[in-house]
Amino acid sequence: MTHLPHTIRGVDHVAFPTFDPAATVRFYRDVLGFPVVHSICAAGWGPEDHPDFIHFFFDIGNGDRIAFFYYFGLDRIGTGPKGDAYASFSQETPDFFVKSRHLALHVDSEEDLLEYRRRLDNSEWPVYRQLQHETIESIYTHDPNGYMFEITRALRPVTPQEDLDASLTIDALVDVVTGPDPSMAALLTRKAELITERAAAWQEEQHTKELATR
Protein backbone atom coordinates (compact mmCIF):
# COMPACT_ATOMS: atom_id res chain seq x y z
CA MET A 1 0.00 0.00 0.00
CA THR A 2 1.42 3.38 -1.02
CA HIS A 3 0.41 6.97 -0.36
CA LEU A 4 2.34 8.80 -3.05
CA PRO A 5 1.25 12.41 -3.62
CA HIS A 6 0.15 13.45 -7.09
CA THR A 7 -0.64 16.76 -8.78
CA ILE A 8 -2.99 15.52 -11.52
CA ARG A 9 -6.11 17.69 -11.77
CA GLY A 10 -8.36 15.62 -14.01
CA VAL A 11 -8.65 14.39 -17.58
CA ASP A 12 -7.25 16.57 -20.35
CA HIS A 13 -8.88 14.31 -22.94
CA VAL A 14 -9.62 10.74 -23.85
CA ALA A 15 -9.42 9.91 -27.56
CA PHE A 16 -11.04 7.29 -29.79
CA PRO A 17 -11.16 6.53 -33.51
CA THR A 18 -14.37 7.11 -35.45
CA PHE A 19 -15.49 5.88 -38.86
CA ASP A 20 -18.62 8.08 -38.79
CA PRO A 21 -17.64 11.61 -37.81
CA ALA A 22 -20.98 13.13 -38.90
CA ALA A 23 -22.96 10.88 -36.54
CA THR A 24 -20.36 11.41 -33.83
CA VAL A 25 -20.90 15.18 -34.05
CA ARG A 26 -24.69 14.69 -33.96
CA PHE A 27 -24.44 12.52 -30.85
CA TYR A 28 -22.03 14.57 -28.76
CA ARG A 29 -22.80 18.12 -29.96
CA ASP A 30 -26.39 18.09 -31.17
CA VAL A 31 -27.94 15.55 -28.77
CA LEU A 32 -25.85 15.87 -25.61
CA GLY A 33 -24.92 19.53 -26.10
CA PHE A 34 -21.14 19.15 -25.75
CA PRO A 35 -19.57 22.05 -27.69
CA VAL A 36 -16.71 21.50 -30.13
CA VAL A 37 -13.74 23.28 -28.56
CA HIS A 38 -10.73 22.31 -30.66
CA SER A 39 -9.78 20.58 -33.89
CA ILE A 40 -6.53 19.66 -35.62
CA CYS A 41 -6.37 19.13 -39.40
CA ALA A 42 -3.30 17.03 -40.13
CA ALA A 43 -2.29 16.67 -43.78
CA GLY A 44 0.92 14.92 -44.75
CA TRP A 45 1.59 13.99 -41.16
CA GLY A 46 3.91 11.17 -40.18
CA PRO A 47 5.25 8.48 -42.54
CA GLU A 48 4.25 8.38 -46.21
CA ASP A 49 1.56 5.74 -45.69
CA HIS A 50 -0.12 7.70 -42.87
CA PRO A 51 -3.52 9.05 -44.03
CA ASP A 52 -4.60 12.65 -43.57
CA PHE A 53 -6.78 12.98 -40.49
CA ILE A 54 -8.77 15.35 -38.32
CA HIS A 55 -8.60 15.24 -34.53
CA PHE A 56 -11.59 17.01 -32.91
CA PHE A 57 -12.53 17.67 -29.32
CA PHE A 58 -15.77 18.14 -27.33
CA ASP A 59 -15.99 19.89 -23.94
CA ILE A 60 -17.41 17.46 -21.34
CA GLY A 61 -17.21 19.90 -18.42
CA ASN A 62 -14.63 20.94 -15.83
CA GLY A 63 -12.07 21.64 -18.56
CA ASP A 64 -12.07 17.97 -19.62
CA ARG A 65 -12.60 16.81 -23.19
CA ILE A 66 -13.45 13.78 -25.28
CA ALA A 67 -11.76 13.61 -28.67
CA PHE A 68 -11.96 11.60 -31.89
CA PHE A 69 -9.69 10.77 -34.80
CA TYR A 70 -11.12 10.47 -38.30
CA TYR A 71 -8.70 9.15 -40.93
CA PHE A 72 -9.60 10.05 -44.52
CA GLY A 73 -9.81 7.04 -46.83
CA LEU A 74 -9.38 4.46 -44.08
CA ASP A 75 -11.92 1.64 -44.35
CA ARG A 76 -13.65 0.39 -41.25
CA ILE A 77 -11.40 -1.96 -39.31
CA GLY A 78 -12.66 -5.02 -37.52
CA THR A 79 -15.13 -7.60 -38.73
CA GLY A 80 -16.25 -9.18 -35.47
CA PRO A 81 -19.97 -9.16 -34.67
CA LYS A 82 -19.39 -7.55 -31.27
CA GLY A 83 -17.47 -4.50 -30.16
CA ASP A 84 -16.90 -1.02 -31.51
CA ALA A 85 -14.71 1.08 -33.78
CA TYR A 86 -11.73 0.43 -31.53
CA ALA A 87 -11.96 -3.32 -31.02
CA SER A 88 -14.11 -6.11 -32.44
CA PHE A 89 -14.80 -9.45 -30.83
CA SER A 90 -16.08 -12.85 -31.90
CA GLN A 91 -19.63 -14.00 -31.21
CA GLU A 92 -18.29 -16.28 -28.48
CA THR A 93 -16.91 -13.36 -26.45
CA PRO A 94 -19.11 -12.82 -23.35
CA ASP A 95 -21.19 -9.65 -23.47
CA PHE A 96 -20.02 -8.65 -19.98
CA PHE A 97 -16.44 -8.54 -21.27
CA VAL A 98 -17.34 -6.54 -24.38
CA LYS A 99 -19.27 -3.97 -22.31
CA SER A 100 -16.67 -3.64 -19.56
CA ARG A 101 -14.76 -0.91 -21.45
CA HIS A 102 -16.84 2.25 -21.37
CA LEU A 103 -16.84 5.98 -20.67
CA ALA A 104 -18.85 7.29 -17.71
CA LEU A 105 -19.57 10.97 -17.14
CA HIS A 106 -21.29 12.33 -14.03
CA VAL A 107 -23.96 14.91 -13.31
CA ASP A 108 -25.03 16.51 -10.04
CA SER A 109 -28.70 15.58 -9.75
CA GLU A 110 -31.51 13.25 -10.72
CA GLU A 111 -33.03 16.12 -12.71
CA ASP A 112 -29.86 16.41 -14.80
CA LEU A 113 -29.70 12.66 -15.34
CA LEU A 114 -33.31 12.51 -16.52
CA GLU A 115 -32.75 15.45 -18.87
CA TYR A 116 -29.94 13.56 -20.59
CA ARG A 117 -32.16 10.49 -20.72
CA ARG A 118 -34.84 12.58 -22.44
CA ARG A 119 -32.37 13.87 -25.02
CA LEU A 120 -31.04 10.40 -25.76
CA ASP A 121 -34.48 8.77 -25.91
CA ASN A 122 -35.51 11.37 -28.50
CA SER A 123 -32.45 10.63 -30.62
CA GLU A 124 -31.06 7.79 -32.72
CA TRP A 125 -29.31 6.46 -29.61
CA PRO A 126 -31.96 5.84 -26.90
CA VAL A 127 -31.06 4.69 -23.41
CA TYR A 128 -31.18 0.91 -23.18
CA ARG A 129 -30.70 0.61 -19.43
CA GLN A 130 -31.17 2.72 -16.29
CA LEU A 131 -30.29 1.29 -12.90
CA GLN A 132 -29.04 2.01 -9.42
CA HIS A 133 -25.97 0.16 -8.19
CA GLU A 134 -23.63 0.64 -5.26
CA THR A 135 -23.68 4.42 -4.64
CA ILE A 136 -24.74 5.67 -8.10
CA GLU A 137 -27.60 5.68 -10.61
CA SER A 138 -26.71 5.40 -14.28
CA ILE A 139 -28.15 5.49 -17.78
CA TYR A 140 -26.48 3.62 -20.64
CA THR A 141 -26.40 3.82 -24.41
CA HIS A 142 -23.92 3.28 -27.23
CA ASP A 143 -22.57 6.16 -29.29
CA PRO A 144 -22.44 5.99 -33.12
CA ASN A 145 -19.09 4.21 -32.95
CA GLY A 146 -20.42 1.43 -30.73
CA TYR A 147 -18.66 2.75 -27.62
CA MET A 148 -20.60 2.07 -24.44
CA PHE A 149 -21.53 5.42 -22.89
CA GLU A 150 -22.76 6.04 -19.33
CA ILE A 151 -24.03 9.09 -17.49
CA THR A 152 -24.27 8.73 -13.74
CA ARG A 153 -25.22 10.59 -10.57
CA ALA A 154 -24.25 9.96 -6.97
CA LEU A 155 -27.01 8.60 -4.74
CA ARG A 156 -25.06 9.56 -1.61
CA PRO A 157 -21.53 10.59 -0.64
CA VAL A 158 -18.88 7.89 -0.40
CA THR A 159 -17.77 7.61 3.23
CA PRO A 160 -14.18 7.47 4.54
CA GLN A 161 -14.94 3.94 5.73
CA GLU A 162 -15.75 2.93 2.15
CA ASP A 163 -12.51 4.49 0.93
CA LEU A 164 -10.66 2.41 3.52
CA ASP A 165 -12.55 -0.71 2.47
CA ALA A 166 -11.59 -0.07 -1.16
CA SER A 167 -7.93 0.24 -0.22
CA LEU A 168 -8.07 -3.03 1.71
CA THR A 169 -9.86 -4.79 -1.12
CA ILE A 170 -7.29 -3.75 -3.72
CA ASP A 171 -4.35 -4.71 -1.50
CA ALA A 172 -5.96 -8.13 -1.05
CA LEU A 173 -6.63 -8.40 -4.79
CA VAL A 174 -3.00 -7.68 -5.68
CA ASP A 175 -1.84 -10.34 -3.23
CA VAL A 176 -4.31 -12.93 -4.52
CA VAL A 177 -3.89 -12.52 -8.28
CA THR A 178 -0.14 -12.98 -7.95
CA GLY A 179 -0.76 -16.33 -6.26
CA PRO A 180 -1.52 -19.76 -7.73
CA ASP A 181 -5.33 -19.85 -7.53
CA PRO A 182 -7.05 -16.43 -7.63
CA SER A 183 -10.72 -16.46 -6.67
CA MET A 184 -13.29 -14.33 -4.87
CA ALA A 185 -13.08 -16.64 -1.85
CA ALA A 186 -9.31 -16.21 -1.70
CA LEU A 187 -9.68 -12.43 -1.98
CA LEU A 188 -12.16 -12.24 0.90
CA THR A 189 -9.96 -14.48 3.05
CA ARG A 190 -6.90 -12.32 2.38
CA LYS A 191 -8.91 -9.16 3.08
CA ALA A 192 -9.94 -10.53 6.47
CA GLU A 193 -6.30 -11.26 7.22
CA LEU A 194 -5.31 -7.68 6.33
CA ILE A 195 -8.04 -6.28 8.57
CA THR A 196 -6.68 -8.32 11.47
CA GLU A 197 -3.09 -7.33 10.71
CA ARG A 198 -3.84 -3.61 10.53
CA ALA A 199 -6.48 -3.24 13.25
CA ALA A 200 -4.06 -2.23 16.01
CA ALA A 201 -2.43 0.43 13.84
CA TRP A 202 -5.83 1.86 12.86
CA GLN A 203 -6.92 2.04 16.48
CA GLU A 204 -3.72 3.84 17.42
CA GLU A 205 -4.13 6.27 14.53
CA GLN A 206 -7.74 6.98 15.52
CA HIS A 207 -6.70 7.52 19.15
CA THR A 208 -4.00 9.97 18.06
CA LYS A 209 -6.51 11.93 15.96
CA GLU A 210 -8.95 12.11 18.88
CA LEU A 211 -6.25 13.46 21.20
CA ALA A 212 -5.26 16.05 18.61
CA THR A 213 -8.80 17.44 18.45
CA ARG A 214 -9.15 17.95 22.19
C-alpha atoms as a PDB file:
ATOM      1  CA  MET A   1       0.000   0.000   0.000  1.00  0.00           C
ATOM      2  CA  THR A   2       1.421   3.379  -1.017  1.00  0.00           C
ATOM      3  CA  HIS A   3       0.406   6.968  -0.361  1.00  0.00           C
ATOM      4  CA  LEU A   4       2.335   8.797  -3.053  1.00  0.00           C
ATOM      5  CA  PRO A   5       1.251  12.411  -3.615  1.00  0.00           C
ATOM      6  CA  HIS A   6       0.152  13.450  -7.087  1.00  0.00           C
ATOM      7  CA  THR A   7      -0.638  16.756  -8.776  1.00  0.00           C
ATOM      8  CA  ILE A   8      -2.986  15.518 -11.524  1.00  0.00           C
ATOM      9  CA  ARG A   9      -6.108  17.692 -11.771  1.00  0.00           C
ATOM     10  CA  GLY A  10      -8.360  15.622 -14.014  1.00  0.00           C
ATOM     11  CA  VAL A  11      -8.652  14.388 -17.581  1.00  0.00           C
ATOM     12  CA  ASP A  12      -7.249  16.569 -20.354  1.00  0.00           C
ATOM     13  CA  HIS A  13      -8.876  14.306 -22.938  1.00  0.00           C
ATOM     14  CA  VAL A  14      -9.620  10.737 -23.852  1.00  0.00           C
ATOM     15  CA  ALA A  15      -9.423   9.907 -27.559  1.00  0.00           C
ATOM     16  CA  PHE A  16     -11.037   7.291 -29.795  1.00  0.00           C
ATOM     17  CA  PRO A  17     -11.158   6.533 -33.512  1.00  0.00           C
ATOM     18  CA  THR A  18     -14.369   7.106 -35.454  1.00  0.00           C
ATOM     19  CA  PHE A  19     -15.491   5.882 -38.862  1.00  0.00           C
ATOM     20  CA  ASP A  20     -18.620   8.076 -38.788  1.00  0.00           C
ATOM     21  CA  PRO A  21     -17.643  11.615 -37.809  1.00  0.00           C
ATOM     22  CA  ALA A  22     -20.983  13.126 -38.900  1.00  0.00           C
ATOM     23  CA  ALA A  23     -22.960  10.884 -36.537  1.00  0.00           C
ATOM     24  CA  THR A  24     -20.359  11.413 -33.828  1.00  0.00           C
ATOM     25  CA  VAL A  25     -20.903  15.177 -34.049  1.00  0.00           C
ATOM     26  CA  ARG A  26     -24.691  14.691 -33.957  1.00  0.00           C
ATOM     27  CA  PHE A  27     -24.442  12.519 -30.848  1.00  0.00           C
ATOM     28  CA  TYR A  28     -22.031  14.572 -28.759  1.00  0.00           C
ATOM     29  CA  ARG A  29     -22.799  18.117 -29.964  1.00  0.00           C
ATOM     30  CA  ASP A  30     -26.386  18.091 -31.174  1.00  0.00           C
ATOM     31  CA  VAL A  31     -27.942  15.551 -28.772  1.00  0.00           C
ATOM     32  CA  LEU A  32     -25.851  15.868 -25.607  1.00  0.00           C
ATOM     33  CA  GLY A  33     -24.918  19.532 -26.096  1.00  0.00           C
ATOM     34  CA  PHE A  34     -21.137  19.154 -25.746  1.00  0.00           C
ATOM     35  CA  PRO A  35     -19.568  22.050 -27.691  1.00  0.00           C
ATOM     36  CA  VAL A  36     -16.710  21.502 -30.128  1.00  0.00           C
ATOM     37  CA  VAL A  37     -13.740  23.284 -28.557  1.00  0.00           C
ATOM     38  CA  HIS A  38     -10.734  22.311 -30.661  1.00  0.00           C
ATOM     39  CA  SER A  39      -9.778  20.581 -33.888  1.00  0.00           C
ATOM     40  CA  ILE A  40      -6.534  19.659 -35.620  1.00  0.00           C
ATOM     41  CA  CYS A  41      -6.369  19.126 -39.402  1.00  0.00           C
ATOM     42  CA  ALA A  42      -3.296  17.026 -40.130  1.00  0.00           C
ATOM     43  CA  ALA A  43      -2.294  16.673 -43.777  1.00  0.00           C
ATOM     44  CA  GLY A  44       0.915  14.923 -44.748  1.00  0.00           C
ATOM     45  CA  TRP A  45       1.589  13.988 -41.161  1.00  0.00           C
ATOM     46  CA  GLY A  46       3.911  11.166 -40.181  1.00  0.00           C
ATOM     47  CA  PRO A  47       5.252   8.476 -42.544  1.00  0.00           C
ATOM     48  CA  GLU A  48       4.252   8.383 -46.210  1.00  0.00           C
ATOM     49  CA  ASP A  49       1.563   5.742 -45.691  1.00  0.00           C
ATOM     50  CA  HIS A  50      -0.123   7.702 -42.873  1.00  0.00           C
ATOM     51  CA  PRO A  51      -3.523   9.055 -44.031  1.00  0.00           C
ATOM     52  CA  ASP A  52      -4.597  12.646 -43.567  1.00  0.00           C
ATOM     53  CA  PHE A  53      -6.779  12.982 -40.492  1.00  0.00           C
ATOM     54  CA  ILE A  54      -8.770  15.350 -38.324  1.00  0.00           C
ATOM     55  CA  HIS A  55      -8.605  15.245 -34.533  1.00  0.00           C
ATOM     56  CA  PHE A  56     -11.588  17.006 -32.911  1.00  0.00           C
ATOM     57  CA  PHE A  57     -12.535  17.668 -29.316  1.00  0.00           C
ATOM     58  CA  PHE A  58     -15.767  18.141 -27.327  1.00  0.00           C
ATOM     59  CA  ASP A  59     -15.988  19.886 -23.941  1.00  0.00           C
ATOM     60  CA  ILE A  60     -17.409  17.460 -21.338  1.00  0.00           C
ATOM     61  CA  GLY A  61     -17.206  19.902 -18.416  1.00  0.00           C
ATOM     62  CA  ASN A  62     -14.630  20.939 -15.834  1.00  0.00           C
ATOM     63  CA  GLY A  63     -12.075  21.640 -18.560  1.00  0.00           C
ATOM     64  CA  ASP A  64     -12.069  17.975 -19.616  1.00  0.00           C
ATOM     65  CA  ARG A  65     -12.604  16.812 -23.190  1.00  0.00           C
ATOM     66  CA  ILE A  66     -13.455  13.775 -25.277  1.00  0.00           C
ATOM     67  CA  ALA A  67     -11.758  13.611 -28.670  1.00  0.00           C
ATOM     68  CA  PHE A  68     -11.960  11.597 -31.886  1.00  0.00           C
ATOM     69  CA  PHE A  69      -9.693  10.774 -34.796  1.00  0.00           C
ATOM     70  CA  TYR A  70     -11.122  10.471 -38.300  1.00  0.00           C
ATOM     71  CA  TYR A  71      -8.699   9.146 -40.931  1.00  0.00           C
ATOM     72  CA  PHE A  72      -9.595  10.045 -44.519  1.00  0.00           C
ATOM     73  CA  GLY A  73      -9.812   7.041 -46.827  1.00  0.00           C
ATOM     74  CA  LEU A  74      -9.375   4.459 -44.083  1.00  0.00           C
ATOM     75  CA  ASP A  75     -11.916   1.642 -44.350  1.00  0.00           C
ATOM     76  CA  ARG A  76     -13.653   0.390 -41.247  1.00  0.00           C
ATOM     77  CA  ILE A  77     -11.395  -1.956 -39.308  1.00  0.00           C
ATOM     78  CA  GLY A  78     -12.657  -5.016 -37.520  1.00  0.00           C
ATOM     79  CA  THR A  79     -15.130  -7.599 -38.729  1.00  0.00           C
ATOM     80  CA  GLY A  80     -16.248  -9.179 -35.473  1.00  0.00           C
ATOM     81  CA  PRO A  81     -19.975  -9.157 -34.673  1.00  0.00           C
ATOM     82  CA  LYS A  82     -19.387  -7.552 -31.268  1.00  0.00           C
ATOM     83  CA  GLY A  83     -17.465  -4.504 -30.165  1.00  0.00           C
ATOM     84  CA  ASP A  84     -16.897  -1.017 -31.509  1.00  0.00           C
ATOM     85  CA  ALA A  85     -14.709   1.078 -33.785  1.00  0.00           C
ATOM     86  CA  TYR A  86     -11.731   0.429 -31.531  1.00  0.00           C
ATOM     87  CA  ALA A  87     -11.963  -3.318 -31.024  1.00  0.00           C
ATOM     88  CA  SER A  88     -14.111  -6.111 -32.444  1.00  0.00           C
ATOM     89  CA  PHE A  89     -14.799  -9.453 -30.830  1.00  0.00           C
ATOM     90  CA  SER A  90     -16.082 -12.845 -31.901  1.00  0.00           C
ATOM     91  CA  GLN A  91     -19.626 -14.000 -31.212  1.00  0.00           C
ATOM     92  CA  GLU A  92     -18.294 -16.280 -28.479  1.00  0.00           C
ATOM     93  CA  THR A  93     -16.912 -13.359 -26.445  1.00  0.00           C
ATOM     94  CA  PRO A  94     -19.111 -12.824 -23.353  1.00  0.00           C
ATOM     95  CA  ASP A  95     -21.186  -9.647 -23.468  1.00  0.00           C
ATOM     96  CA  PHE A  96     -20.015  -8.651 -19.983  1.00  0.00           C
ATOM     97  CA  PHE A  97     -16.442  -8.542 -21.273  1.00  0.00           C
ATOM     98  CA  VAL A  98     -17.337  -6.542 -24.385  1.00  0.00           C
ATOM     99  CA  LYS A  99     -19.265  -3.970 -22.307  1.00  0.00           C
ATOM    100  CA  SER A 100     -16.667  -3.637 -19.562  1.00  0.00           C
ATOM    101  CA  ARG A 101     -14.759  -0.906 -21.445  1.00  0.00           C
ATOM    102  CA  HIS A 102     -16.843   2.252 -21.367  1.00  0.00           C
ATOM    103  CA  LEU A 103     -16.842   5.982 -20.675  1.00  0.00           C
ATOM    104  CA  ALA A 104     -18.851   7.287 -17.708  1.00  0.00           C
ATOM    105  CA  LEU A 105     -19.574  10.972 -17.144  1.00  0.00           C
ATOM    106  CA  HIS A 106     -21.285  12.325 -14.032  1.00  0.00           C
ATOM    107  CA  VAL A 107     -23.957  14.914 -13.307  1.00  0.00           C
ATOM    108  CA  ASP A 108     -25.029  16.509 -10.044  1.00  0.00           C
ATOM    109  CA  SER A 109     -28.697  15.583  -9.753  1.00  0.00           C
ATOM    110  CA  GLU A 110     -31.508  13.248 -10.725  1.00  0.00           C
ATOM    111  CA  GLU A 111     -33.025  16.122 -12.714  1.00  0.00           C
ATOM    112  CA  ASP A 112     -29.857  16.409 -14.797  1.00  0.00           C
ATOM    113  CA  LEU A 113     -29.699  12.658 -15.338  1.00  0.00           C
ATOM    114  CA  LEU A 114     -33.311  12.509 -16.518  1.00  0.00           C
ATOM    115  CA  GLU A 115     -32.750  15.446 -18.867  1.00  0.00           C
ATOM    116  CA  TYR A 116     -29.945  13.555 -20.586  1.00  0.00           C
ATOM    117  CA  ARG A 117     -32.164  10.488 -20.719  1.00  0.00           C
ATOM    118  CA  ARG A 118     -34.844  12.583 -22.436  1.00  0.00           C
ATOM    119  CA  ARG A 119     -32.368  13.865 -25.016  1.00  0.00           C
ATOM    120  CA  LEU A 120     -31.044  10.403 -25.760  1.00  0.00           C
ATOM    121  CA  ASP A 121     -34.477   8.774 -25.915  1.00  0.00           C
ATOM    122  CA  ASN A 122     -35.511  11.370 -28.498  1.00  0.00           C
ATOM    123  CA  SER A 123     -32.451  10.632 -30.622  1.00  0.00           C
ATOM    124  CA  GLU A 124     -31.063   7.789 -32.719  1.00  0.00           C
ATOM    125  CA  TRP A 125     -29.313   6.462 -29.605  1.00  0.00           C
ATOM    126  CA  PRO A 126     -31.956   5.843 -26.896  1.00  0.00           C
ATOM    127  CA  VAL A 127     -31.059   4.691 -23.406  1.00  0.00           C
ATOM    128  CA  TYR A 128     -31.180   0.908 -23.177  1.00  0.00           C
ATOM    129  CA  ARG A 129     -30.705   0.614 -19.433  1.00  0.00           C
ATOM    130  CA  GLN A 130     -31.169   2.718 -16.290  1.00  0.00           C
ATOM    131  CA  LEU A 131     -30.288   1.290 -12.904  1.00  0.00           C
ATOM    132  CA  GLN A 132     -29.040   2.014  -9.416  1.00  0.00           C
ATOM    133  CA  HIS A 133     -25.966   0.164  -8.194  1.00  0.00           C
ATOM    134  CA  GLU A 134     -23.633   0.643  -5.258  1.00  0.00           C
ATOM    135  CA  THR A 135     -23.684   4.415  -4.644  1.00  0.00           C
ATOM    136  CA  ILE A 136     -24.745   5.667  -8.100  1.00  0.00           C
ATOM    137  CA  GLU A 137     -27.602   5.680 -10.607  1.00  0.00           C
ATOM    138  CA  SER A 138     -26.713   5.402 -14.282  1.00  0.00           C
ATOM    139  CA  ILE A 139     -28.145   5.491 -17.780  1.00  0.00           C
ATOM    140  CA  TYR A 140     -26.479   3.621 -20.639  1.00  0.00           C
ATOM    141  CA  THR A 141     -26.401   3.819 -24.407  1.00  0.00           C
ATOM    142  CA  HIS A 142     -23.923   3.285 -27.234  1.00  0.00           C
ATOM    143  CA  ASP A 143     -22.566   6.159 -29.287  1.00  0.00           C
ATOM    144  CA  PRO A 144     -22.443   5.989 -33.121  1.00  0.00           C
ATOM    145  CA  ASN A 145     -19.091   4.205 -32.950  1.00  0.00           C
ATOM    146  CA  GLY A 146     -20.419   1.432 -30.730  1.00  0.00           C
ATOM    147  CA  TYR A 147     -18.664   2.751 -27.616  1.00  0.00           C
ATOM    148  CA  MET A 148     -20.597   2.072 -24.442  1.00  0.00           C
ATOM    149  CA  PHE A 149     -21.527   5.422 -22.894  1.00  0.00           C
ATOM    150  CA  GLU A 150     -22.764   6.035 -19.333  1.00  0.00           C
ATOM    151  CA  ILE A 151     -24.034   9.085 -17.491  1.00  0.00           C
ATOM    152  CA  THR A 152     -24.272   8.734 -13.739  1.00  0.00           C
ATOM    153  CA  ARG A 153     -25.216  10.594 -10.574  1.00  0.00           C
ATOM    154  CA  ALA A 154     -24.254   9.955  -6.967  1.00  0.00           C
ATOM    155  CA  LEU A 155     -27.008   8.595  -4.736  1.00  0.00           C
ATOM    156  CA  ARG A 156     -25.061   9.560  -1.610  1.00  0.00           C
ATOM    157  CA  PRO A 157     -21.532  10.589  -0.640  1.00  0.00           C
ATOM    158  CA  VAL A 158     -18.879   7.892  -0.401  1.00  0.00           C
ATOM    159  CA  THR A 159     -17.771   7.607   3.226  1.00  0.00           C
ATOM    160  CA  PRO A 160     -14.181   7.470   4.535  1.00  0.00           C
ATOM    161  CA  GLN A 161     -14.939   3.941   5.728  1.00  0.00           C
ATOM    162  CA  GLU A 162     -15.755   2.927   2.151  1.00  0.00           C
ATOM    163  CA  ASP A 163     -12.511   4.489   0.934  1.00  0.00           C
ATOM    164  CA  LEU A 164     -10.658   2.413   3.517  1.00  0.00           C
ATOM    165  CA  ASP A 165     -12.546  -0.709   2.467  1.00  0.00           C
ATOM    166  CA  ALA A 166     -11.589  -0.073  -1.158  1.00  0.00           C
ATOM    167  CA  SER A 167      -7.927   0.239  -0.221  1.00  0.00           C
ATOM    168  CA  LEU A 168      -8.067  -3.030   1.709  1.00  0.00           C
ATOM    169  CA  THR A 169      -9.858  -4.789  -1.125  1.00  0.00           C
ATOM    170  CA  ILE A 170      -7.290  -3.747  -3.719  1.00  0.00           C
ATOM    171  CA  ASP A 171      -4.354  -4.709  -1.501  1.00  0.00           C
ATOM    172  CA  ALA A 172      -5.961  -8.128  -1.053  1.00  0.00           C
ATOM    173  CA  LEU A 173      -6.631  -8.404  -4.786  1.00  0.00           C
ATOM    174  CA  VAL A 174      -3.003  -7.675  -5.680  1.00  0.00           C
ATOM    175  CA  ASP A 175      -1.842 -10.342  -3.234  1.00  0.00           C
ATOM    176  CA  VAL A 176      -4.314 -12.934  -4.520  1.00  0.00           C
ATOM    177  CA  VAL A 177      -3.887 -12.517  -8.276  1.00  0.00           C
ATOM    178  CA  THR A 178      -0.141 -12.981  -7.955  1.00  0.00           C
ATOM    179  CA  GLY A 179      -0.762 -16.326  -6.263  1.00  0.00           C
ATOM    180  CA  PRO A 180      -1.520 -19.757  -7.735  1.00  0.00           C
ATOM    181  CA  ASP A 181      -5.333 -19.849  -7.530  1.00  0.00           C
ATOM    182  CA  PRO A 182      -7.053 -16.435  -7.630  1.00  0.00           C
ATOM    183  CA  SER A 183     -10.724 -16.459  -6.674  1.00  0.00           C
ATOM    184  CA  MET A 184     -13.288 -14.326  -4.867  1.00  0.00           C
ATOM    185  CA  ALA A 185     -13.080 -16.639  -1.851  1.00  0.00           C
ATOM    186  CA  ALA A 186      -9.313 -16.208  -1.697  1.00  0.00           C
ATOM    187  CA  LEU A 187      -9.678 -12.435  -1.980  1.00  0.00           C
ATOM    188  CA  LEU A 188     -12.160 -12.239   0.903  1.00  0.00           C
ATOM    189  CA  THR A 189      -9.957 -14.477   3.047  1.00  0.00           C
ATOM    190  CA  ARG A 190      -6.901 -12.321   2.383  1.00  0.00           C
ATOM    191  CA  LYS A 191      -8.908  -9.165   3.077  1.00  0.00           C
ATOM    192  CA  ALA A 192      -9.942 -10.530   6.466  1.00  0.00           C
ATOM    193  CA  GLU A 193      -6.297 -11.259   7.222  1.00  0.00           C
ATOM    194  CA  LEU A 194      -5.307  -7.685   6.332  1.00  0.00           C
ATOM    195  CA  ILE A 195      -8.037  -6.277   8.572  1.00  0.00           C
ATOM    196  CA  THR A 196      -6.684  -8.315  11.472  1.00  0.00           C
ATOM    197  CA  GLU A 197      -3.089  -7.331  10.713  1.00  0.00           C
ATOM    198  CA  ARG A 198      -3.839  -3.609  10.535  1.00  0.00           C
ATOM    199  CA  ALA A 199      -6.484  -3.238  13.248  1.00  0.00           C
ATOM    200  CA  ALA A 200      -4.060  -2.229  16.012  1.00  0.00           C
ATOM    201  CA  ALA A 201      -2.427   0.434  13.840  1.00  0.00           C
ATOM    202  CA  TRP A 202      -5.825   1.857  12.863  1.00  0.00           C
ATOM    203  CA  GLN A 203      -6.924   2.038  16.481  1.00  0.00           C
ATOM    204  CA  GLU A 204      -3.717   3.837  17.421  1.00  0.00           C
ATOM    205  CA  GLU A 205      -4.126   6.266  14.528  1.00  0.00           C
ATOM    206  CA  GLN A 206      -7.736   6.984  15.516  1.00  0.00           C
ATOM    207  CA  HIS A 207      -6.705   7.518  19.146  1.00  0.00           C
ATOM    208  CA  THR A 208      -4.001   9.971  18.059  1.00  0.00           C
ATOM    209  CA  LYS A 209      -6.511  11.927  15.962  1.00  0.00           C
ATOM    210  CA  GLU A 210      -8.947  12.110  18.876  1.00  0.00           C
ATOM    211  CA  LEU A 211      -6.246  13.460  21.195  1.00  0.00           C
ATOM    212  CA  ALA A 212      -5.258  16.054  18.607  1.00  0.00           C
ATOM    213  CA  THR A 213      -8.803  17.441  18.450  1.00  0.00           C
ATOM    214  CA  ARG A 214      -9.148  17.946  22.187  1.00  0.00           C
END
